[in-house]
Amino acid sequence: MPKKIPMRQCTGCREMKPKRELIRVVKSPENEISLDFKGKAQGRGAYVCPNLECLKKARKSRALERSLDISIPEEIYGQLEEQMEAGHE
């Protein structure tokens, strides 16, 4: 029996994609925001595709803020952009 692939929705384009293809932004129980590339960090997660267009849409609609119920610092958006430009893999 084939293994089930976990799917998550991108906050930018709203498409369902395999969890491994997305970048996870996580809010820890201490209300700290960070990027989680392993998908194992504790806390509430929101996902975004590793391309700048999805990040722009998510940022414009404030989708990450709404799904994590906290304001996202500029440095997190900066880190996301750097990862996307570096070709997150």
N, C-alpha and C. Protein backbone atom coordinates (compact mmCIF):
# COMPACT_ATOMS: atom_id res chain seq x y z
N MET A 1 0.84 -1.19 0.00
CA MET A 1 0.00 0.00 0.00
C MET A 1 0.89 1.25 0.00
N PRO A 2 0.67 2.17 -0.95
CA PRO A 2 1.53 3.37 -1.01
C PRO A 2 1.33 4.26 0.22
N LYS A 3 2.42 4.91 0.61
CA LYS A 3 2.38 5.79 1.77
C LYS A 3 1.62 7.06 1.43
N LYS A 4 0.78 7.52 2.35
CA LYS A 4 -0.02 8.73 2.14
C LYS A 4 0.89 9.95 2.27
N ILE A 5 0.79 10.87 1.30
CA ILE A 5 1.60 12.09 1.30
C ILE A 5 0.81 13.20 2.00
N PRO A 6 1.37 13.76 3.10
CA PRO A 6 0.64 14.84 3.77
C PRO A 6 0.57 16.09 2.90
N MET A 7 -0.62 16.65 2.77
CA MET A 7 -0.83 17.84 1.95
C MET A 7 -1.12 19.04 2.85
N ARG A 8 -0.64 20.22 2.42
CA ARG A 8 -0.89 21.46 3.15
C ARG A 8 -1.26 22.54 2.14
N GLN A 9 -1.96 23.58 2.62
CA GLN A 9 -2.38 24.66 1.73
C GLN A 9 -1.42 25.84 1.85
N CYS A 10 -0.99 26.33 0.71
CA CYS A 10 -0.14 27.52 0.66
C CYS A 10 -0.99 28.74 1.02
N THR A 11 -0.47 29.59 1.90
CA THR A 11 -1.24 30.78 2.29
C THR A 11 -1.28 31.84 1.19
N GLY A 12 -0.38 31.72 0.20
CA GLY A 12 -0.34 32.69 -0.90
C GLY A 12 -1.30 32.32 -2.02
N CYS A 13 -1.05 31.17 -2.67
CA CYS A 13 -1.87 30.79 -3.83
C CYS A 13 -3.08 29.94 -3.45
N ARG A 14 -3.16 29.51 -2.19
CA ARG A 14 -4.29 28.72 -1.67
C ARG A 14 -4.37 27.33 -2.30
N GLU A 15 -3.30 26.84 -2.92
CA GLU A 15 -3.31 25.51 -3.52
C GLU A 15 -2.82 24.48 -2.52
N MET A 16 -3.38 23.27 -2.62
CA MET A 16 -2.93 22.17 -1.77
C MET A 16 -1.70 21.55 -2.44
N LYS A 17 -0.62 21.40 -1.67
CA LYS A 17 0.62 20.84 -2.19
C LYS A 17 1.22 19.91 -1.15
N PRO A 18 2.11 19.00 -1.59
CA PRO A 18 2.78 18.14 -0.59
C PRO A 18 3.54 18.99 0.42
N LYS A 19 3.42 18.61 1.68
CA LYS A 19 4.03 19.36 2.79
C LYS A 19 5.51 19.62 2.58
N ARG A 20 6.25 18.65 2.02
CA ARG A 20 7.69 18.78 1.83
C ARG A 20 8.08 19.87 0.83
N GLU A 21 7.17 20.25 -0.07
CA GLU A 21 7.47 21.26 -1.08
C GLU A 21 7.29 22.69 -0.55
N LEU A 22 6.70 22.83 0.63
CA LEU A 22 6.38 24.14 1.16
C LEU A 22 7.33 24.55 2.28
N ILE A 23 7.40 25.85 2.54
CA ILE A 23 8.19 26.38 3.66
C ILE A 23 7.22 26.64 4.80
N ARG A 24 7.57 26.17 5.99
CA ARG A 24 6.70 26.33 7.15
C ARG A 24 7.16 27.51 7.99
N VAL A 25 6.20 28.38 8.30
CA VAL A 25 6.43 29.49 9.23
C VAL A 25 5.72 29.07 10.50
N VAL A 26 6.44 29.04 11.62
CA VAL A 26 5.86 28.50 12.85
C VAL A 26 5.84 29.53 13.97
N LYS A 27 4.72 29.52 14.72
CA LYS A 27 4.61 30.33 15.93
C LYS A 27 4.76 29.39 17.12
N SER A 28 5.82 29.59 17.88
CA SER A 28 6.10 28.72 19.03
C SER A 28 5.11 29.00 20.16
N PRO A 29 5.05 28.10 21.14
CA PRO A 29 4.18 28.36 22.30
C PRO A 29 4.54 29.66 23.04
N GLU A 30 5.80 30.15 22.85
CA GLU A 30 6.22 31.41 23.47
C GLU A 30 5.92 32.61 22.57
N ASN A 31 5.14 32.41 21.50
CA ASN A 31 4.77 33.45 20.53
C ASN A 31 5.96 34.00 19.76
N GLU A 32 6.96 33.17 19.49
CA GLU A 32 8.08 33.56 18.65
C GLU A 32 7.86 33.01 17.25
N ILE A 33 8.16 33.82 16.24
CA ILE A 33 7.98 33.40 14.85
C ILE A 33 9.32 32.97 14.29
N SER A 34 9.34 31.82 13.60
CA SER A 34 10.57 31.36 12.97
C SER A 34 10.23 30.52 11.74
N LEU A 35 11.26 30.22 10.94
CA LEU A 35 11.09 29.36 9.77
C LEU A 35 11.49 27.95 10.18
N ASP A 36 10.72 26.98 9.70
CA ASP A 36 10.95 25.59 10.07
C ASP A 36 11.07 24.78 8.79
N PHE A 37 12.30 24.36 8.46
CA PHE A 37 12.51 23.63 7.21
C PHE A 37 12.37 22.12 7.39
N LYS A 38 12.45 21.64 8.62
CA LYS A 38 12.31 20.21 8.88
C LYS A 38 10.85 19.81 9.10
N GLY A 39 10.01 20.79 9.43
CA GLY A 39 8.59 20.49 9.67
C GLY A 39 8.35 19.85 11.02
N LYS A 40 9.30 19.98 11.95
CA LYS A 40 9.19 19.30 13.23
C LYS A 40 9.08 20.25 14.42
N ALA A 41 9.28 21.55 14.19
CA ALA A 41 9.26 22.51 15.30
C ALA A 41 7.88 22.54 15.95
N GLN A 42 7.90 22.73 17.26
CA GLN A 42 6.67 22.76 18.02
C GLN A 42 5.95 24.08 17.81
N GLY A 43 4.64 24.03 17.69
CA GLY A 43 3.85 25.25 17.57
C GLY A 43 2.93 25.21 16.37
N ARG A 44 2.24 26.31 16.17
CA ARG A 44 1.27 26.47 15.08
C ARG A 44 2.01 26.82 13.80
N GLY A 45 1.73 26.11 12.73
CA GLY A 45 2.42 26.35 11.47
C GLY A 45 1.52 26.87 10.37
N ALA A 46 2.10 27.65 9.48
CA ALA A 46 1.43 28.10 8.26
C ALA A 46 2.43 27.87 7.14
N TYR A 47 1.95 27.57 5.97
CA TYR A 47 2.83 27.18 4.87
C TYR A 47 2.76 28.15 3.71
N VAL A 48 3.90 28.27 3.00
CA VAL A 48 3.94 29.11 1.81
C VAL A 48 4.83 28.41 0.77
N CYS A 49 4.45 28.51 -0.51
CA CYS A 49 5.24 27.92 -1.59
C CYS A 49 6.61 28.60 -1.65
N PRO A 50 7.63 27.90 -2.10
CA PRO A 50 8.96 28.52 -2.19
C PRO A 50 9.12 29.39 -3.43
N ASN A 51 8.15 30.26 -3.72
CA ASN A 51 8.34 31.22 -4.80
C ASN A 51 7.84 32.60 -4.37
N LEU A 52 8.47 33.62 -4.92
CA LEU A 52 8.22 34.99 -4.46
C LEU A 52 6.80 35.48 -4.73
N GLU A 53 6.18 34.98 -5.80
CA GLU A 53 4.80 35.41 -6.10
C GLU A 53 3.85 35.02 -4.99
N CYS A 54 3.97 33.78 -4.50
CA CYS A 54 3.10 33.32 -3.41
C CYS A 54 3.37 34.13 -2.14
N LEU A 55 4.63 34.42 -1.89
CA LEU A 55 4.98 35.21 -0.70
C LEU A 55 4.37 36.61 -0.80
N LYS A 56 4.42 37.21 -1.99
CA LYS A 56 3.84 38.55 -2.17
C LYS A 56 2.34 38.52 -1.91
N LYS A 57 1.66 37.49 -2.44
CA LYS A 57 0.21 37.37 -2.22
C LYS A 57 -0.10 37.19 -0.74
N ALA A 58 0.66 36.32 -0.08
CA ALA A 58 0.42 36.05 1.35
C ALA A 58 0.67 37.31 2.17
N ARG A 59 1.68 38.06 1.79
CA ARG A 59 2.03 39.28 2.51
C ARG A 59 0.96 40.36 2.31
N LYS A 60 0.52 40.51 1.05
CA LYS A 60 -0.48 41.53 0.73
C LYS A 60 -1.81 41.25 1.44
N SER A 61 -2.22 39.99 1.46
CA SER A 61 -3.51 39.63 2.07
C SER A 61 -3.38 39.38 3.58
N ARG A 62 -2.14 39.48 4.10
CA ARG A 62 -1.87 39.24 5.52
C ARG A 62 -2.30 37.85 5.95
N ALA A 63 -2.20 36.89 5.03
CA ALA A 63 -2.66 35.52 5.30
C ALA A 63 -1.85 34.84 6.40
N LEU A 64 -0.53 35.06 6.43
CA LEU A 64 0.28 34.44 7.49
C LEU A 64 -0.11 35.00 8.86
N GLU A 65 -0.33 36.31 8.93
CA GLU A 65 -0.74 36.92 10.19
C GLU A 65 -2.06 36.33 10.68
N ARG A 66 -3.00 36.17 9.74
CA ARG A 66 -4.32 35.65 10.13
C ARG A 66 -4.24 34.19 10.55
N SER A 67 -3.48 33.38 9.83
CA SER A 67 -3.44 31.96 10.20
C SER A 67 -2.67 31.70 11.48
N LEU A 68 -1.68 32.55 11.78
CA LEU A 68 -0.92 32.38 13.02
C LEU A 68 -1.43 33.28 14.15
N ASP A 69 -2.35 34.19 13.84
CA ASP A 69 -2.96 35.09 14.82
C ASP A 69 -1.91 35.92 15.56
N ILE A 70 -0.94 36.43 14.80
CA ILE A 70 0.12 37.27 15.37
C ILE A 70 0.72 38.09 14.22
N SER A 71 1.30 39.27 14.52
CA SER A 71 1.91 40.04 13.44
C SER A 71 3.29 39.45 13.13
N ILE A 72 3.62 39.39 11.84
CA ILE A 72 4.86 38.79 11.38
C ILE A 72 5.91 39.91 11.25
N PRO A 73 7.07 39.77 11.93
CA PRO A 73 8.11 40.80 11.81
C PRO A 73 8.71 40.85 10.40
N GLU A 74 9.18 42.03 10.01
CA GLU A 74 9.78 42.21 8.68
C GLU A 74 10.94 41.25 8.44
N GLU A 75 11.72 40.94 9.50
CA GLU A 75 12.88 40.07 9.33
C GLU A 75 12.49 38.66 8.89
N ILE A 76 11.31 38.20 9.29
CA ILE A 76 10.84 36.87 8.86
C ILE A 76 10.55 36.89 7.36
N TYR A 77 9.88 37.96 6.89
CA TYR A 77 9.65 38.09 5.46
C TYR A 77 10.97 38.16 4.71
N GLY A 78 11.94 38.86 5.28
CA GLY A 78 13.27 38.96 4.68
C GLY A 78 13.94 37.60 4.57
N GLN A 79 13.85 36.80 5.65
CA GLN A 79 14.43 35.45 5.63
C GLN A 79 13.74 34.58 4.59
N LEU A 80 12.42 34.70 4.49
CA LEU A 80 11.68 33.92 3.48
C LEU A 80 12.15 34.29 2.08
N GLU A 81 12.28 35.59 1.81
CA GLU A 81 12.73 36.03 0.49
C GLU A 81 14.13 35.51 0.19
N GLU A 82 15.03 35.57 1.18
CA GLU A 82 16.40 35.06 0.99
C GLU A 82 16.39 33.58 0.65
N GLN A 83 15.59 32.80 1.37
CA GLN A 83 15.52 31.36 1.13
C GLN A 83 15.00 31.08 -0.29
N MET A 84 14.01 31.84 -0.72
CA MET A 84 13.42 31.62 -2.04
C MET A 84 14.41 32.00 -3.14
N GLU A 85 15.14 33.10 -2.93
CA GLU A 85 16.13 33.51 -3.92
C GLU A 85 17.31 32.54 -3.97
N ALA A 86 17.63 31.94 -2.82
CA ALA A 86 18.74 30.98 -2.76
C ALA A 86 18.31 29.61 -3.31
N GLY A 87 17.02 29.46 -3.59
CA GLY A 87 16.52 28.20 -4.13
C GLY A 87 16.37 27.16 -3.05
N HIS A 88 15.41 27.38 -2.15
CA HIS A 88 15.12 26.48 -1.03
C HIS A 88 15.02 25.02 -1.50
N GLU A 89 15.84 24.17 -0.93
CA GLU A 89 15.76 22.72 -1.21
C GLU A 89 16.13 21.97 0.03
